[in-house]
PDB file of N, CA and C in Angstrom:
ATOM      1  N   MET A   1      42.269  70.705 -40.736  1.00  0.00           N
ATOM      2  CA  MET A   1      41.716  69.403 -40.436  1.00  0.00           C
ATOM      3  C   MET A   1      42.235  68.966 -39.068  1.00  0.00           C
ATOM      4  N   ALA A   2      41.323  68.724 -38.159  1.00  0.00           N
ATOM      5  CA  ALA A   2      41.706  68.353 -36.802  1.00  0.00           C
ATOM      6  C   ALA A   2      41.725  66.830 -36.654  1.00  0.00           C
ATOM      7  N   ILE A   3      42.704  66.353 -35.898  1.00  0.00           N
ATOM      8  CA  ILE A   3      42.815  64.920 -35.613  1.00  0.00           C
ATOM      9  C   ILE A   3      41.919  64.625 -34.413  1.00  0.00           C
ATOM     10  N   PRO A   4      41.056  63.612 -34.500  1.00  0.00           N
ATOM     11  CA  PRO A   4      40.214  63.273 -33.355  1.00  0.00           C
ATOM     12  C   PRO A   4      41.069  62.924 -32.139  1.00  0.00           C
ATOM     13  N   LEU A   5      40.577  63.290 -30.977  1.00  0.00           N
ATOM     14  CA  LEU A   5      41.341  63.098 -29.740  1.00  0.00           C
ATOM     15  C   LEU A   5      41.707  61.637 -29.515  1.00  0.00           C
ATOM     16  N   GLY A   6      40.784  60.718 -29.825  1.00  0.00           N
ATOM     17  CA  GLY A   6      41.058  59.300 -29.625  1.00  0.00           C
ATOM     18  C   GLY A   6      42.221  58.799 -30.464  1.00  0.00           C
ATOM     19  N   GLN A   7      42.336  59.294 -31.691  1.00  0.00           N
ATOM     20  CA  GLN A   7      43.460  58.909 -32.544  1.00  0.00           C
ATOM     21  C   GLN A   7      44.740  59.600 -32.097  1.00  0.00           C
ATOM     22  N   TRP A   8      44.619  60.836 -31.694  1.00  0.00           N
ATOM     23  CA  TRP A   8      45.810  61.595 -31.306  1.00  0.00           C
ATOM     24  C   TRP A   8      46.421  61.049 -30.018  1.00  0.00           C
ATOM     25  N   SER A   9      45.577  60.700 -29.060  1.00  0.00           N
ATOM     26  CA  SER A   9      46.090  60.244 -27.771  1.00  0.00           C
ATOM     27  C   SER A   9      46.413  58.757 -27.761  1.00  0.00           C
ATOM     28  N   GLY A  10      45.909  58.014 -28.748  1.00  0.00           N
ATOM     29  CA  GLY A  10      46.159  56.580 -28.782  1.00  0.00           C
ATOM     30  C   GLY A  10      45.134  55.773 -28.003  1.00  0.00           C
ATOM     31  N   SER A  11      44.126  56.448 -27.431  1.00  0.00           N
ATOM     32  CA  SER A  11      43.150  55.721 -26.626  1.00  0.00           C
ATOM     33  C   SER A  11      42.289  54.790 -27.470  1.00  0.00           C
ATOM     34  N   ASP A  12      42.040  55.149 -28.730  1.00  0.00           N
ATOM     35  CA  ASP A  12      41.288  54.250 -29.606  1.00  0.00           C
ATOM     36  C   ASP A  12      42.067  52.958 -29.840  1.00  0.00           C
ATOM     37  N   ALA A  13      43.353  53.086 -30.083  1.00  0.00           N
ATOM     38  CA  ALA A  13      44.191  51.908 -30.316  1.00  0.00           C
ATOM     39  C   ALA A  13      44.283  51.059 -29.047  1.00  0.00           C
ATOM     40  N   THR A  14      44.366  51.711 -27.898  1.00  0.00           N
ATOM     41  CA  THR A  14      44.432  50.986 -26.631  1.00  0.00           C
ATOM     42  C   THR A  14      43.145  50.217 -26.389  1.00  0.00           C
ATOM     43  N   LYS A  15      42.001  50.849 -26.667  1.00  0.00           N
ATOM     44  CA  LYS A  15      40.716  50.176 -26.497  1.00  0.00           C
ATOM     45  C   LYS A  15      40.601  48.998 -27.450  1.00  0.00           C
ATOM     46  N   GLU A  16      41.015  49.184 -28.697  1.00  0.00           N
ATOM     47  CA  GLU A  16      40.962  48.106 -29.680  1.00  0.00           C
ATOM     48  C   GLU A  16      41.863  46.942 -29.259  1.00  0.00           C
ATOM     49  N   LEU A  17      43.045  47.251 -28.755  1.00  0.00           N
ATOM     50  CA  LEU A  17      43.961  46.217 -28.275  1.00  0.00           C
ATOM     51  C   LEU A  17      43.349  45.471 -27.090  1.00  0.00           C
ATOM     52  N   HIS A  18      42.739  46.210 -26.177  1.00  0.00           N
ATOM     53  CA  HIS A  18      42.092  45.595 -25.014  1.00  0.00           C
ATOM     54  C   HIS A  18      40.977  44.648 -25.467  1.00  0.00           C
ATOM     55  N   ASP A  19      40.161  45.067 -26.421  1.00  0.00           N
ATOM     56  CA  ASP A  19      39.071  44.231 -26.933  1.00  0.00           C
ATOM     57  C   ASP A  19      39.615  42.979 -27.617  1.00  0.00           C
ATOM     58  N   THR A  20      40.691  43.150 -28.381  1.00  0.00           N
ATOM     59  CA  THR A  20      41.299  42.015 -29.072  1.00  0.00           C
ATOM     60  C   THR A  20      41.849  41.004 -28.080  1.00  0.00           C
ATOM     61  N   ILE A  21      42.517  41.479 -27.046  1.00  0.00           N
ATOM     62  CA  ILE A  21      43.066  40.589 -26.024  1.00  0.00           C
ATOM     63  C   ILE A  21      41.941  39.862 -25.290  1.00  0.00           C
ATOM     64  N   LYS A  22      40.854  40.565 -25.001  1.00  0.00           N
ATOM     65  CA  LYS A  22      39.713  39.949 -24.321  1.00  0.00           C
ATOM     66  C   LYS A  22      39.113  38.839 -25.192  1.00  0.00           C
ATOM     67  N   GLU A  23      38.930  39.080 -26.479  1.00  0.00           N
ATOM     68  CA  GLU A  23      38.401  38.069 -27.395  1.00  0.00           C
ATOM     69  C   GLU A  23      39.337  36.862 -27.475  1.00  0.00           C
ATOM     70  N   PHE A  24      40.645  37.130 -27.521  1.00  0.00           N
ATOM     71  CA  PHE A  24      41.613  36.041 -27.575  1.00  0.00           C
ATOM     72  C   PHE A  24      41.535  35.188 -26.319  1.00  0.00           C
ATOM     73  N   ASN A  25      41.441  35.832 -25.158  1.00  0.00           N
ATOM     74  CA  ASN A  25      41.373  35.095 -23.896  1.00  0.00           C
ATOM     75  C   ASN A  25      40.109  34.242 -23.817  1.00  0.00           C
ATOM     76  N   GLU A  26      38.993  34.756 -24.305  1.00  0.00           N
ATOM     77  CA  GLU A  26      37.751  33.989 -24.306  1.00  0.00           C
ATOM     78  C   GLU A  26      37.873  32.766 -25.214  1.00  0.00           C
ATOM     79  N   ALA A  27      38.464  32.953 -26.391  1.00  0.00           N
ATOM     80  CA  ALA A  27      38.656  31.833 -27.320  1.00  0.00           C
ATOM     81  C   ALA A  27      39.615  30.807 -26.721  1.00  0.00           C
ATOM     82  N   SER A  28      40.644  31.280 -26.075  1.00  0.00           N
ATOM     83  CA  SER A  28      41.617  30.391 -25.444  1.00  0.00           C
ATOM     84  C   SER A  28      40.975  29.588 -24.318  1.00  0.00           C
ATOM     85  N   THR A  29      40.101  30.213 -23.555  1.00  0.00           N
ATOM     86  CA  THR A  29      39.407  29.526 -22.469  1.00  0.00           C
ATOM     87  C   THR A  29      38.505  28.425 -23.019  1.00  0.00           C
ATOM     88  N   ARG A  30      37.772  28.723 -24.097  1.00  0.00           N
ATOM     89  CA  ARG A  30      36.919  27.702 -24.725  1.00  0.00           C
ATOM     90  C   ARG A  30      37.757  26.528 -25.219  1.00  0.00           C
ATOM     91  N   GLN A  31      38.876  26.825 -25.847  1.00  0.00           N
ATOM     92  CA  GLN A  31      39.742  25.773 -26.368  1.00  0.00           C
ATOM     93  C   GLN A  31      40.288  24.919 -25.229  1.00  0.00           C
ATOM     94  N   THR A  32      40.662  25.544 -24.133  1.00  0.00           N
ATOM     95  CA  THR A  32      41.176  24.812 -22.980  1.00  0.00           C
ATOM     96  C   THR A  32      40.113  23.877 -22.422  1.00  0.00           C
ATOM     97  N   ARG A  33      38.871  24.352 -22.319  1.00  0.00           N
ATOM     98  CA  ARG A  33      37.779  23.497 -21.838  1.00  0.00           C
ATOM     99  C   ARG A  33      37.605  22.276 -22.730  1.00  0.00           C
ATOM    100  N   HIS A  34      37.635  22.491 -24.046  1.00  0.00           N
ATOM    101  CA  HIS A  34      37.486  21.372 -24.977  1.00  0.00           C
ATOM    102  C   HIS A  34      38.633  20.378 -24.831  1.00  0.00           C
ATOM    103  N   LEU A  35      39.837  20.870 -24.669  1.00  0.00           N
ATOM    104  CA  LEU A  35      40.986  19.976 -24.520  1.00  0.00           C
ATOM    105  C   LEU A  35      40.902  19.173 -23.230  1.00  0.00           C
ATOM    106  N   ILE A  36      40.408  19.782 -22.164  1.00  0.00           N
ATOM    107  CA  ILE A  36      40.250  19.054 -20.898  1.00  0.00           C
ATOM    108  C   ILE A  36      39.211  17.946 -21.067  1.00  0.00           C
ATOM    109  N   ILE A  37      38.100  18.247 -21.731  1.00  0.00           N
ATOM    110  CA  ILE A  37      37.069  17.230 -21.968  1.00  0.00           C
ATOM    111  C   ILE A  37      37.632  16.087 -22.809  1.00  0.00           C
ATOM    112  N   LEU A  38      38.367  16.424 -23.861  1.00  0.00           N
ATOM    113  CA  LEU A  38      38.958  15.379 -24.707  1.00  0.00           C
ATOM    114  C   LEU A  38      39.982  14.550 -23.945  1.00  0.00           C
ATOM    115  N   THR A  39      40.745  15.178 -23.076  1.00  0.00           N
ATOM    116  CA  THR A  39      41.727  14.447 -22.272  1.00  0.00           C
ATOM    117  C   THR A  39      41.033  13.452 -21.357  1.00  0.00           C
ATOM    118  N   TRP A  40      39.947  13.866 -20.714  1.00  0.00           N
ATOM    119  CA  TRP A  40      39.208  12.955 -19.843  1.00  0.00           C
ATOM    120  C   TRP A  40      38.585  11.820 -20.651  1.00  0.00           C
ATOM    121  N   ALA A  41      38.129  12.113 -21.858  1.00  0.00           N
ATOM    122  CA  ALA A  41      37.586  11.058 -22.718  1.00  0.00           C
ATOM    123  C   ALA A  41      38.664  10.024 -23.034  1.00  0.00           C
ATOM    124  N   ILE A  42      39.874  10.471 -23.306  1.00  0.00           N
ATOM    125  CA  ILE A  42      40.986   9.561 -23.575  1.00  0.00           C
ATOM    126  C   ILE A  42      41.302   8.731 -22.337  1.00  0.00           C
ATOM    127  N   VAL A  43      41.279   9.340 -21.163  1.00  0.00           N
ATOM    128  CA  VAL A  43      41.537   8.615 -19.916  1.00  0.00           C
ATOM    129  C   VAL A  43      40.499   7.511 -19.729  1.00  0.00           C
ATOM    130  N   ILE A  44      39.224   7.843 -19.912  1.00  0.00           N
ATOM    131  CA  ILE A  44      38.151   6.861 -19.731  1.00  0.00           C
ATOM    132  C   ILE A  44      38.281   5.724 -20.739  1.00  0.00           C
ATOM    133  N   LEU A  45      38.557   6.064 -21.999  1.00  0.00           N
ATOM    134  CA  LEU A  45      38.719   5.023 -23.010  1.00  0.00           C
ATOM    135  C   LEU A  45      39.925   4.132 -22.720  1.00  0.00           C
ATOM    136  N   THR A  46      40.996   4.705 -22.211  1.00  0.00           N
ATOM    137  CA  THR A  46      42.176   3.920 -21.857  1.00  0.00           C
ATOM    138  C   THR A  46      41.856   2.948 -20.735  1.00  0.00           C
ATOM    139  N   ILE A  47      41.121   3.403 -19.726  1.00  0.00           N
ATOM    140  CA  ILE A  47      40.731   2.524 -18.621  1.00  0.00           C
ATOM    141  C   ILE A  47      39.855   1.381 -19.139  1.00  0.00           C
ATOM    142  N   LEU A  48      38.906   1.702 -20.029  1.00  0.00           N
ATOM    143  CA  LEU A  48      38.060   0.654 -20.602  1.00  0.00           C
ATOM    144  C   LEU A  48      38.876  -0.354 -21.408  1.00  0.00           C
ATOM    145  N   MET A  49      39.885   0.121 -22.119  1.00  0.00           N
ATOM    146  CA  MET A  49      40.754  -0.783 -22.873  1.00  0.00           C
ATOM    147  C   MET A  49      41.524  -1.689 -21.925  1.00  0.00           C
ATOM    148  N   LEU A  50      42.010  -1.156 -20.811  1.00  0.00           N
ATOM    149  CA  LEU A  50      42.748  -1.965 -19.849  1.00  0.00           C
ATOM    150  C   LEU A  50      41.844  -3.015 -19.215  1.00  0.00           C
ATOM    151  N   ILE A  51      40.599  -2.651 -18.936  1.00  0.00           N
ATOM    152  CA  ILE A  51      39.646  -3.624 -18.398  1.00  0.00           C
ATOM    153  C   ILE A  51      39.415  -4.737 -19.421  1.00  0.00           C
ATOM    154  N   GLY A  52      39.221  -4.357 -20.670  1.00  0.00           N
ATOM    155  CA  GLY A  52      39.051  -5.350 -21.739  1.00  0.00           C
ATOM    156  C   GLY A  52      40.265  -6.256 -21.876  1.00  0.00           C
ATOM    157  N   LEU A  53      41.444  -5.695 -21.762  1.00  0.00           N
ATOM    158  CA  LEU A  53      42.669  -6.477 -21.828  1.00  0.00           C
ATOM    159  C   LEU A  53      42.726  -7.471 -20.672  1.00  0.00           C
ATOM    160  N   GLY A  54      42.353  -7.001 -19.486  1.00  0.00           N
ATOM    161  CA  GLY A  54      42.332  -7.896 -18.323  1.00  0.00           C
ATOM    162  C   GLY A  54      41.365  -9.045 -18.522  1.00  0.00           C
ATOM    163  N   VAL A  55      40.198  -8.770 -19.077  1.00  0.00           N
ATOM    164  CA  VAL A  55      39.207  -9.824 -19.334  1.00  0.00           C
ATOM    165  C   VAL A  55      39.756 -10.820 -20.356  1.00  0.00           C
ATOM    166  N   GLN A  56      40.394 -10.328 -21.406  1.00  0.00           N
ATOM    167  CA  GLN A  56      40.968 -11.220 -22.415  1.00  0.00           C
ATOM    168  C   GLN A  56      42.052 -12.112 -21.821  1.00  0.00           C
ATOM    169  N   ILE A  57      42.911 -11.538 -21.000  1.00  0.00           N
ATOM    170  CA  ILE A  57      43.973 -12.331 -20.354  1.00  0.00           C
ATOM    171  C   ILE A  57      43.353 -13.388 -19.452  1.00  0.00           C
ATOM    172  N   TYR A  58      42.333 -13.011 -18.692  1.00  0.00           N
ATOM    173  CA  TYR A  58      41.664 -13.952 -17.795  1.00  0.00           C
ATOM    174  C   TYR A  58      41.022 -15.083 -18.594  1.00  0.00           C
ATOM    175  N   LEU A  59      40.327 -14.757 -19.694  1.00  0.00           N
ATOM    176  CA  LEU A  59      39.686 -15.783 -20.502  1.00  0.00           C
ATOM    177  C   LEU A  59      40.724 -16.696 -21.154  1.00  0.00           C
ATOM    178  N   ALA A  60      41.834 -16.164 -21.597  1.00  0.00           N
ATOM    179  CA  ALA A  60      42.906 -16.982 -22.182  1.00  0.00           C
ATOM    180  C   ALA A  60      43.495 -17.890 -21.111  1.00  0.00           C
ATOM    181  N   TRP A  61      43.657 -17.400 -19.927  1.00  0.00           N
ATOM    182  CA  TRP A  61      44.209 -18.180 -18.821  1.00  0.00           C
ATOM    183  C   TRP A  61      43.287 -19.348 -18.476  1.00  0.00           C
ATOM    184  N   ILE A  62      41.965 -19.062 -18.470  1.00  0.00           N
ATOM    185  CA  ILE A  62      40.986 -20.121 -18.214  1.00  0.00           C
ATOM    186  C   ILE A  62      41.007 -21.154 -19.339  1.00  0.00           C
ATOM    187  N   ALA A  63      41.094 -20.707 -20.598  1.00  0.00           N
ATOM    188  CA  ALA A  63      41.103 -21.607 -21.741  1.00  0.00           C
ATOM    189  C   ALA A  63      42.343 -22.496 -21.738  1.00  0.00           C
ATOM    190  N   LEU A  64      43.472 -21.959 -21.324  1.00  0.00           N
ATOM    191  CA  LEU A  64      44.701 -22.754 -21.281  1.00  0.00           C
ATOM    192  C   LEU A  64      44.675 -23.729 -20.114  1.00  0.00           C
ATOM    193  N   GLY A  65      43.950 -23.380 -19.066  1.00  0.00           N
ATOM    194  CA  GLY A  65      43.891 -24.257 -17.887  1.00  0.00           C
ATOM    195  C   GLY A  65      42.973 -25.440 -18.072  1.00  0.00           C
ATOM    196  N   SER A  66      42.053 -25.403 -19.044  1.00  0.00           N
ATOM    197  CA  SER A  66      41.117 -26.518 -19.187  1.00  0.00           C
ATOM    198  C   SER A  66      41.688 -27.644 -19.972  1.00  0.00           C
TER     199      SER A  66
END
């Protein structure tokens, strides 16, 4: 019974490892893109909250001044 060359030399395992690493990197890249989008969404929402806070402070200041 002969051992196939790919198994004997380890090239099959090397190719499989290379494919696995490539798939992992692609998944990691997608996850990074999603996290960047979510981070920007948080930044925008925080800015909107600060604007709302400023408006509330201004309206309270006007109400106290009358």
